[in-house]
């Protein structure tokens, strides 16, 4: 799929903070988070590890999915991460 958007989850560390975001350019956005230039929240909490990403075709759909994930309970997010990336299950 050309174009589109990404909805993603970052983590700080095992049992750490989770962050849900949305972007058109995933690689650049992750770099910004790691460099501390993307968001005060991620900079303050050291949230830099990409643990989940979903490709979404339309901007409106990406915004809806981002809001949905932000409202999810932490456990649901961890289960999504584990399903997508079994090696990340240790974040729990």
N, C-alpha and C. Protein backbone atom coordinates (compact mmCIF):
# COMPACT_ATOMS: atom_id res chain seq x y z
N UNK A 1 0.85 -1.18 0.00
CA UNK A 1 0.00 0.00 0.00
C UNK A 1 0.89 1.24 0.00
N UNK A 2 0.73 2.10 -0.98
CA UNK A 2 1.44 3.37 -1.01
C UNK A 2 0.63 4.38 -0.22
N UNK A 3 1.31 5.35 0.37
CA UNK A 3 0.62 6.33 1.18
C UNK A 3 0.13 5.70 2.46
N UNK A 4 -0.89 6.27 3.02
CA UNK A 4 -1.43 5.71 4.24
C UNK A 4 -0.80 6.29 5.48
N UNK A 5 -1.20 5.74 6.60
CA UNK A 5 -0.80 6.24 7.91
C UNK A 5 -0.47 5.07 8.82
N UNK A 6 0.20 5.37 9.89
CA UNK A 6 0.57 4.38 10.90
C UNK A 6 0.00 4.75 12.25
N UNK A 7 -0.57 3.78 12.92
CA UNK A 7 -0.94 3.90 14.33
C UNK A 7 0.02 2.99 15.07
N UNK A 8 0.66 3.49 16.11
CA UNK A 8 1.74 2.74 16.73
C UNK A 8 1.70 2.84 18.25
N UNK A 9 2.39 1.89 18.88
CA UNK A 9 2.55 1.90 20.33
C UNK A 9 4.04 1.85 20.64
N UNK A 10 4.47 2.74 21.52
CA UNK A 10 5.84 2.75 22.02
C UNK A 10 5.82 2.36 23.49
N UNK A 11 6.92 1.81 23.95
CA UNK A 11 7.06 1.45 25.36
C UNK A 11 8.39 2.00 25.88
N UNK A 12 8.43 2.27 27.17
CA UNK A 12 9.67 2.76 27.77
C UNK A 12 10.58 1.61 28.16
N UNK A 13 10.00 0.59 28.79
CA UNK A 13 10.78 -0.56 29.28
C UNK A 13 9.79 -1.60 29.77
N UNK A 14 10.30 -2.68 30.29
CA UNK A 14 9.45 -3.72 30.87
C UNK A 14 8.64 -3.10 32.02
N UNK A 15 7.34 -3.36 32.02
CA UNK A 15 6.42 -2.80 33.02
C UNK A 15 6.43 -1.27 33.03
N UNK A 16 6.82 -0.70 31.90
CA UNK A 16 6.93 0.75 31.83
C UNK A 16 5.73 1.41 31.18
N UNK A 17 5.94 2.62 30.77
CA UNK A 17 4.90 3.45 30.18
C UNK A 17 4.66 3.08 28.73
N UNK A 18 3.40 3.11 28.31
CA UNK A 18 3.03 2.89 26.92
C UNK A 18 2.52 4.21 26.33
N UNK A 19 2.80 4.41 25.05
CA UNK A 19 2.36 5.61 24.35
C UNK A 19 1.76 5.20 23.02
N UNK A 20 0.59 5.73 22.69
CA UNK A 20 -0.07 5.46 21.42
C UNK A 20 0.00 6.73 20.57
N UNK A 21 0.40 6.57 19.31
CA UNK A 21 0.49 7.72 18.42
C UNK A 21 0.07 7.36 17.01
N UNK A 22 0.05 8.38 16.13
CA UNK A 22 -0.34 8.20 14.75
C UNK A 22 0.53 9.12 13.90
N UNK A 23 0.94 8.63 12.74
CA UNK A 23 1.79 9.42 11.87
C UNK A 23 1.68 8.95 10.43
N UNK A 24 2.10 9.78 9.52
CA UNK A 24 2.17 9.38 8.12
C UNK A 24 3.52 8.73 7.81
N UNK A 25 4.56 9.15 8.51
CA UNK A 25 5.92 8.67 8.26
C UNK A 25 6.48 8.02 9.52
N UNK A 26 6.30 6.72 9.64
CA UNK A 26 6.65 6.00 10.87
C UNK A 26 8.14 6.10 11.20
N UNK A 27 9.00 5.84 10.26
CA UNK A 27 10.43 5.88 10.54
C UNK A 27 10.89 7.22 11.09
N UNK A 28 10.45 8.28 10.45
CA UNK A 28 10.83 9.62 10.91
C UNK A 28 10.26 9.91 12.30
N UNK A 29 9.01 9.50 12.54
CA UNK A 29 8.39 9.77 13.83
C UNK A 29 9.09 9.01 14.97
N UNK A 30 9.45 7.75 14.73
CA UNK A 30 10.16 6.98 15.74
C UNK A 30 11.50 7.63 16.03
N UNK A 31 12.19 8.07 14.98
CA UNK A 31 13.46 8.77 15.17
C UNK A 31 13.25 10.01 16.04
N UNK A 32 12.19 10.78 15.79
CA UNK A 32 11.90 11.97 16.59
C UNK A 32 11.68 11.61 18.06
N UNK A 33 10.95 10.53 18.30
CA UNK A 33 10.72 10.10 19.69
C UNK A 33 12.06 9.74 20.34
N UNK A 34 12.89 9.00 19.63
CA UNK A 34 14.18 8.58 20.20
C UNK A 34 15.12 9.74 20.44
N UNK A 35 15.03 10.75 19.60
CA UNK A 35 15.88 11.94 19.76
C UNK A 35 15.30 12.93 20.78
N UNK A 36 14.08 12.70 21.20
CA UNK A 36 13.45 13.58 22.19
C UNK A 36 12.86 14.84 21.60
N UNK A 37 12.62 14.86 20.29
CA UNK A 37 12.08 16.05 19.65
C UNK A 37 10.60 15.92 19.27
N UNK A 38 9.99 14.76 19.53
CA UNK A 38 8.63 14.51 19.05
C UNK A 38 7.56 14.97 20.02
N UNK A 39 7.71 14.69 21.29
CA UNK A 39 6.60 14.86 22.21
C UNK A 39 7.15 14.98 23.63
N UNK A 40 6.63 15.93 24.39
CA UNK A 40 7.11 16.12 25.76
C UNK A 40 6.83 14.89 26.63
N UNK A 41 5.70 14.25 26.41
CA UNK A 41 5.35 13.08 27.21
C UNK A 41 6.37 11.96 27.00
N UNK A 42 6.66 11.64 25.73
CA UNK A 42 7.60 10.55 25.47
C UNK A 42 9.01 10.91 25.93
N UNK A 43 9.38 12.16 25.81
CA UNK A 43 10.69 12.61 26.29
C UNK A 43 10.77 12.47 27.81
N UNK A 44 9.75 12.89 28.51
CA UNK A 44 9.73 12.86 29.97
C UNK A 44 9.73 11.42 30.51
N UNK A 45 9.04 10.52 29.81
CA UNK A 45 8.90 9.14 30.29
C UNK A 45 9.84 8.15 29.61
N UNK A 46 10.69 8.62 28.70
CA UNK A 46 11.65 7.75 28.04
C UNK A 46 11.00 6.68 27.18
N UNK A 47 9.90 7.02 26.55
CA UNK A 47 9.16 6.06 25.72
C UNK A 47 9.74 6.10 24.31
N UNK A 48 10.55 5.07 23.98
CA UNK A 48 11.29 5.09 22.71
C UNK A 48 11.26 3.78 21.94
N UNK A 49 10.72 2.74 22.51
CA UNK A 49 10.79 1.40 21.91
C UNK A 49 9.50 1.08 21.15
N UNK A 50 9.58 0.92 19.84
CA UNK A 50 8.42 0.57 19.03
C UNK A 50 8.04 -0.88 19.30
N UNK A 51 6.81 -1.10 19.76
CA UNK A 51 6.37 -2.46 20.08
C UNK A 51 5.16 -2.90 19.25
N UNK A 52 4.52 -1.98 18.55
CA UNK A 52 3.37 -2.34 17.72
C UNK A 52 3.15 -1.24 16.70
N UNK A 53 2.80 -1.64 15.46
CA UNK A 53 2.46 -0.66 14.42
C UNK A 53 1.42 -1.27 13.50
N UNK A 54 0.46 -0.45 13.12
CA UNK A 54 -0.60 -0.86 12.19
C UNK A 54 -0.66 0.14 11.06
N UNK A 55 -0.73 -0.35 9.84
CA UNK A 55 -0.88 0.50 8.67
C UNK A 55 -2.37 0.73 8.43
N UNK A 56 -2.75 1.99 8.23
CA UNK A 56 -4.15 2.36 7.98
C UNK A 56 -4.17 3.24 6.74
N UNK A 57 -5.09 2.97 5.83
CA UNK A 57 -5.10 3.66 4.54
C UNK A 57 -5.51 5.13 4.62
N UNK A 58 -6.53 5.44 5.40
CA UNK A 58 -7.09 6.80 5.40
C UNK A 58 -6.84 7.51 6.72
N UNK A 59 -6.63 8.82 6.64
CA UNK A 59 -6.36 9.64 7.82
C UNK A 59 -7.47 9.53 8.86
N UNK A 60 -8.70 9.63 8.44
CA UNK A 60 -9.81 9.56 9.40
C UNK A 60 -9.82 8.22 10.13
N UNK A 61 -9.54 7.13 9.41
CA UNK A 61 -9.50 5.81 10.03
C UNK A 61 -8.33 5.71 11.02
N UNK A 62 -7.21 6.32 10.68
CA UNK A 62 -6.06 6.31 11.58
C UNK A 62 -6.37 7.07 12.86
N UNK A 63 -7.04 8.20 12.74
CA UNK A 63 -7.41 8.97 13.93
C UNK A 63 -8.37 8.19 14.83
N UNK A 64 -9.32 7.51 14.20
CA UNK A 64 -10.28 6.71 14.97
C UNK A 64 -9.55 5.59 15.70
N UNK A 65 -8.66 4.90 14.99
CA UNK A 65 -7.92 3.78 15.61
C UNK A 65 -7.01 4.28 16.73
N UNK A 66 -6.36 5.41 16.53
CA UNK A 66 -5.51 5.98 17.58
C UNK A 66 -6.33 6.27 18.83
N UNK A 67 -7.47 6.92 18.67
CA UNK A 67 -8.34 7.22 19.82
C UNK A 67 -8.81 5.94 20.49
N UNK A 68 -9.14 4.94 19.67
CA UNK A 68 -9.60 3.67 20.22
C UNK A 68 -8.52 3.05 21.09
N UNK A 69 -7.30 2.96 20.58
CA UNK A 69 -6.21 2.36 21.35
C UNK A 69 -5.88 3.18 22.60
N UNK A 70 -5.96 4.49 22.52
CA UNK A 70 -5.68 5.33 23.69
C UNK A 70 -6.70 5.07 24.81
N UNK A 71 -7.90 4.69 24.43
CA UNK A 71 -8.94 4.42 25.43
C UNK A 71 -8.87 3.00 25.99
N UNK A 72 -8.14 2.14 25.33
CA UNK A 72 -8.03 0.75 25.80
C UNK A 72 -7.36 0.67 27.15
N UNK A 73 -7.72 -0.34 27.92
CA UNK A 73 -7.03 -0.65 29.16
C UNK A 73 -5.61 -1.11 28.83
N UNK A 74 -4.73 -0.89 29.77
CA UNK A 74 -3.34 -1.28 29.59
C UNK A 74 -3.22 -2.77 29.22
N UNK A 75 -3.97 -3.61 29.89
CA UNK A 75 -3.89 -5.05 29.64
C UNK A 75 -4.26 -5.39 28.20
N UNK A 76 -5.25 -4.72 27.64
CA UNK A 76 -5.64 -4.96 26.26
C UNK A 76 -4.50 -4.58 25.31
N UNK A 77 -3.84 -3.46 25.62
CA UNK A 77 -2.71 -3.04 24.78
C UNK A 77 -1.58 -4.07 24.86
N UNK A 78 -1.32 -4.57 26.06
CA UNK A 78 -0.26 -5.58 26.21
C UNK A 78 -0.61 -6.86 25.45
N UNK A 79 -1.87 -7.24 25.46
CA UNK A 79 -2.30 -8.43 24.71
C UNK A 79 -2.14 -8.21 23.21
N UNK A 80 -2.45 -7.01 22.73
CA UNK A 80 -2.26 -6.69 21.32
C UNK A 80 -0.78 -6.77 20.95
N UNK A 81 0.06 -6.22 21.80
CA UNK A 81 1.51 -6.25 21.57
C UNK A 81 2.00 -7.70 21.54
N UNK A 82 1.54 -8.49 22.49
CA UNK A 82 1.96 -9.90 22.56
C UNK A 82 1.51 -10.68 21.33
N UNK A 83 0.30 -10.42 20.85
CA UNK A 83 -0.21 -11.09 19.66
C UNK A 83 0.61 -10.70 18.44
N UNK A 84 0.92 -9.43 18.33
CA UNK A 84 1.66 -8.91 17.18
C UNK A 84 3.14 -9.29 17.24
N UNK A 85 3.70 -9.24 18.44
CA UNK A 85 5.14 -9.48 18.66
C UNK A 85 5.32 -10.34 19.90
N UNK A 86 5.27 -11.65 19.76
CA UNK A 86 5.38 -12.51 20.95
C UNK A 86 6.64 -12.24 21.78
N UNK A 87 7.72 -11.84 21.15
CA UNK A 87 8.94 -11.55 21.91
C UNK A 87 8.81 -10.32 22.79
N UNK A 88 7.79 -9.50 22.55
CA UNK A 88 7.56 -8.32 23.36
C UNK A 88 6.68 -8.62 24.57
N UNK A 89 6.23 -9.85 24.72
CA UNK A 89 5.34 -10.22 25.83
C UNK A 89 5.98 -9.91 27.17
N UNK A 90 7.28 -9.84 27.22
CA UNK A 90 7.98 -9.59 28.47
C UNK A 90 7.77 -8.17 28.98
N UNK A 91 7.09 -7.33 28.22
CA UNK A 91 6.81 -5.96 28.68
C UNK A 91 5.85 -5.96 29.86
N UNK A 92 4.97 -6.97 29.90
CA UNK A 92 3.88 -7.11 30.82
C UNK A 92 4.07 -6.72 32.20
